[in-house]
Amino acid sequence: SLALYPLSAFRAMNKAAETVYETLRKEGTQKNVVDIMQTRKELYERINYYAFEDYLDNAFAKKK
């Protein structure tokens, strides 16, 4: 059987964002929450950033 929890990830993301914003507001820096944040490398890998960037470069390249 399969159970779906459609808002679980959304609620977890919101709680993480709340933690980061509260820290920024109170401390003026993100240094104490960097360890719970996704790295830029992890983000780019997850969203396949470089492949899409290549696609856009090719799609909008000036034709000579």
N, C-alpha and C. Protein backbone atom coordinates (compact mmCIF):
# COMPACT_ATOMS: atom_id res chain seq x y z
N SER A 1 0.84 -1.17 0.00
CA SER A 1 0.00 0.00 0.00
C SER A 1 0.89 1.24 0.00
N LEU A 2 0.28 2.34 -0.33
CA LEU A 2 1.00 3.60 -0.45
C LEU A 2 0.25 4.70 0.28
N ALA A 3 0.95 5.43 1.09
CA ALA A 3 0.34 6.57 1.77
C ALA A 3 1.01 7.84 1.26
N LEU A 4 0.21 8.82 0.95
CA LEU A 4 0.73 10.10 0.47
C LEU A 4 0.60 11.15 1.57
N TYR A 5 1.64 11.91 1.72
CA TYR A 5 1.65 13.01 2.68
C TYR A 5 2.04 14.28 1.92
N PRO A 6 1.11 14.84 1.17
CA PRO A 6 1.45 15.91 0.23
C PRO A 6 1.99 17.19 0.86
N LEU A 7 1.67 17.46 2.09
CA LEU A 7 2.14 18.71 2.69
C LEU A 7 3.32 18.52 3.64
N SER A 8 3.75 17.30 3.86
CA SER A 8 4.84 17.06 4.81
C SER A 8 6.13 17.76 4.40
N ALA A 9 6.55 17.59 3.15
CA ALA A 9 7.77 18.24 2.68
C ALA A 9 7.62 19.76 2.68
N PHE A 10 6.46 20.24 2.28
CA PHE A 10 6.19 21.68 2.26
C PHE A 10 6.30 22.27 3.67
N ARG A 11 5.73 21.58 4.64
CA ARG A 11 5.78 22.06 6.02
C ARG A 11 7.20 22.02 6.56
N ALA A 12 7.96 20.98 6.19
CA ALA A 12 9.36 20.89 6.61
C ALA A 12 10.19 22.03 6.01
N MET A 13 9.94 22.33 4.73
CA MET A 13 10.65 23.44 4.08
C MET A 13 10.33 24.77 4.74
N ASN A 14 9.06 24.97 5.06
CA ASN A 14 8.66 26.22 5.72
C ASN A 14 9.30 26.36 7.10
N LYS A 15 9.38 25.26 7.84
CA LYS A 15 10.01 25.31 9.17
C LYS A 15 11.49 25.63 9.04
N ALA A 16 12.15 25.04 8.05
CA ALA A 16 13.57 25.33 7.82
C ALA A 16 13.76 26.79 7.45
N ALA A 17 12.90 27.31 6.57
CA ALA A 17 12.99 28.72 6.18
C ALA A 17 12.75 29.62 7.39
N GLU A 18 11.78 29.27 8.21
CA GLU A 18 11.50 30.05 9.41
C GLU A 18 12.72 30.10 10.33
N THR A 19 13.37 28.96 10.50
CA THR A 19 14.57 28.89 11.34
C THR A 19 15.67 29.80 10.80
N VAL A 20 15.89 29.76 9.50
CA VAL A 20 16.92 30.59 8.89
C VAL A 20 16.58 32.07 9.03
N TYR A 21 15.34 32.45 8.72
CA TYR A 21 14.96 33.86 8.81
C TYR A 21 15.00 34.38 10.25
N GLU A 22 14.58 33.56 11.20
CA GLU A 22 14.66 33.97 12.60
C GLU A 22 16.11 34.18 13.03
N THR A 23 16.98 33.29 12.59
CA THR A 23 18.40 33.42 12.90
C THR A 23 18.97 34.69 12.29
N LEU A 24 18.63 34.95 11.03
CA LEU A 24 19.10 36.17 10.38
C LEU A 24 18.61 37.42 11.11
N ARG A 25 17.36 37.39 11.52
CA ARG A 25 16.78 38.54 12.22
C ARG A 25 17.45 38.77 13.57
N LYS A 26 17.67 37.69 14.31
CA LYS A 26 18.23 37.81 15.65
C LYS A 26 19.74 38.04 15.66
N GLU A 27 20.45 37.35 14.74
CA GLU A 27 21.91 37.37 14.78
C GLU A 27 22.54 38.22 13.68
N GLY A 28 21.75 38.53 12.65
CA GLY A 28 22.28 39.33 11.56
C GLY A 28 23.20 38.59 10.61
N THR A 29 23.25 37.27 10.73
CA THR A 29 24.11 36.46 9.88
C THR A 29 23.55 35.04 9.79
N GLN A 30 23.93 34.33 8.74
CA GLN A 30 23.48 32.95 8.57
C GLN A 30 24.51 31.94 9.05
N LYS A 31 25.63 32.41 9.62
CA LYS A 31 26.74 31.50 9.94
C LYS A 31 26.35 30.36 10.87
N ASN A 32 25.38 30.54 11.73
CA ASN A 32 25.00 29.47 12.66
C ASN A 32 23.96 28.51 12.11
N VAL A 33 23.53 28.71 10.88
CA VAL A 33 22.60 27.77 10.25
C VAL A 33 23.13 27.21 8.93
N VAL A 34 24.34 27.61 8.55
CA VAL A 34 24.91 27.12 7.29
C VAL A 34 24.97 25.60 7.27
N ASP A 35 25.24 24.99 8.42
CA ASP A 35 25.37 23.53 8.47
C ASP A 35 24.06 22.80 8.18
N ILE A 36 22.92 23.46 8.29
CA ILE A 36 21.64 22.81 7.97
C ILE A 36 21.16 23.17 6.57
N MET A 37 21.91 24.04 5.90
CA MET A 37 21.51 24.49 4.56
C MET A 37 22.11 23.59 3.48
N GLN A 38 21.38 23.50 2.38
CA GLN A 38 21.87 22.81 1.20
C GLN A 38 23.00 23.64 0.59
N THR A 39 24.06 22.99 0.15
CA THR A 39 25.13 23.74 -0.49
C THR A 39 24.71 24.15 -1.89
N ARG A 40 25.40 25.13 -2.44
CA ARG A 40 25.11 25.53 -3.82
C ARG A 40 25.33 24.36 -4.77
N LYS A 41 26.40 23.60 -4.53
CA LYS A 41 26.69 22.44 -5.38
C LYS A 41 25.53 21.44 -5.32
N GLU A 42 25.04 21.15 -4.12
CA GLU A 42 23.92 20.22 -3.97
C GLU A 42 22.67 20.73 -4.68
N LEU A 43 22.40 22.03 -4.55
CA LEU A 43 21.25 22.63 -5.22
C LEU A 43 21.37 22.49 -6.73
N TYR A 44 22.52 22.89 -7.27
CA TYR A 44 22.71 22.84 -8.72
C TYR A 44 22.61 21.41 -9.25
N GLU A 45 23.12 20.45 -8.50
CA GLU A 45 23.00 19.05 -8.92
C GLU A 45 21.54 18.61 -8.90
N ARG A 46 20.82 19.00 -7.86
CA ARG A 46 19.42 18.59 -7.72
C ARG A 46 18.55 19.13 -8.85
N ILE A 47 18.78 20.38 -9.23
CA ILE A 47 17.93 20.99 -10.26
C ILE A 47 18.54 20.91 -11.66
N ASN A 48 19.66 20.19 -11.78
CA ASN A 48 20.31 20.00 -13.08
C ASN A 48 20.63 21.35 -13.72
N TYR A 49 21.16 22.25 -12.92
CA TYR A 49 21.38 23.64 -13.31
C TYR A 49 22.29 23.78 -14.53
N TYR A 50 23.43 23.10 -14.52
CA TYR A 50 24.40 23.30 -15.59
C TYR A 50 23.90 22.80 -16.94
N ALA A 51 23.14 21.72 -16.94
CA ALA A 51 22.57 21.24 -18.20
C ALA A 51 21.57 22.25 -18.75
N PHE A 52 20.77 22.84 -17.88
CA PHE A 52 19.80 23.83 -18.33
C PHE A 52 20.50 25.10 -18.79
N GLU A 53 21.56 25.48 -18.10
CA GLU A 53 22.34 26.65 -18.52
C GLU A 53 22.93 26.42 -19.91
N ASP A 54 23.44 25.22 -20.16
CA ASP A 54 23.94 24.89 -21.50
C ASP A 54 22.84 24.95 -22.53
N TYR A 55 21.67 24.44 -22.19
CA TYR A 55 20.52 24.49 -23.09
C TYR A 55 20.18 25.94 -23.45
N LEU A 56 20.11 26.80 -22.44
CA LEU A 56 19.80 28.21 -22.70
C LEU A 56 20.88 28.88 -23.53
N ASP A 57 22.13 28.59 -23.24
CA ASP A 57 23.22 29.16 -24.04
C ASP A 57 23.08 28.78 -25.50
N ASN A 58 22.76 27.53 -25.75
CA ASN A 58 22.59 27.07 -27.13
C ASN A 58 21.33 27.63 -27.77
N ALA A 59 20.27 27.73 -27.01
CA ALA A 59 19.00 28.22 -27.54
C ALA A 59 19.06 29.69 -27.92
N PHE A 60 19.84 30.47 -27.18
CA PHE A 60 19.87 31.90 -27.42
C PHE A 60 21.19 32.40 -28.01
N ALA A 61 22.02 31.47 -28.45
CA ALA A 61 23.29 31.86 -29.06
C ALA A 61 23.01 32.61 -30.36
N LYS A 62 23.80 33.65 -30.59
CA LYS A 62 23.65 34.41 -31.84
C LYS A 62 24.13 33.54 -32.99
N LYS A 63 23.30 33.47 -33.99
CA LYS A 63 23.68 32.70 -35.17
C LYS A 63 24.42 33.62 -36.13
N LYS A 64 25.53 33.15 -36.62
CA LYS A 64 26.35 33.98 -37.52
C LYS A 64 26.17 33.56 -38.95
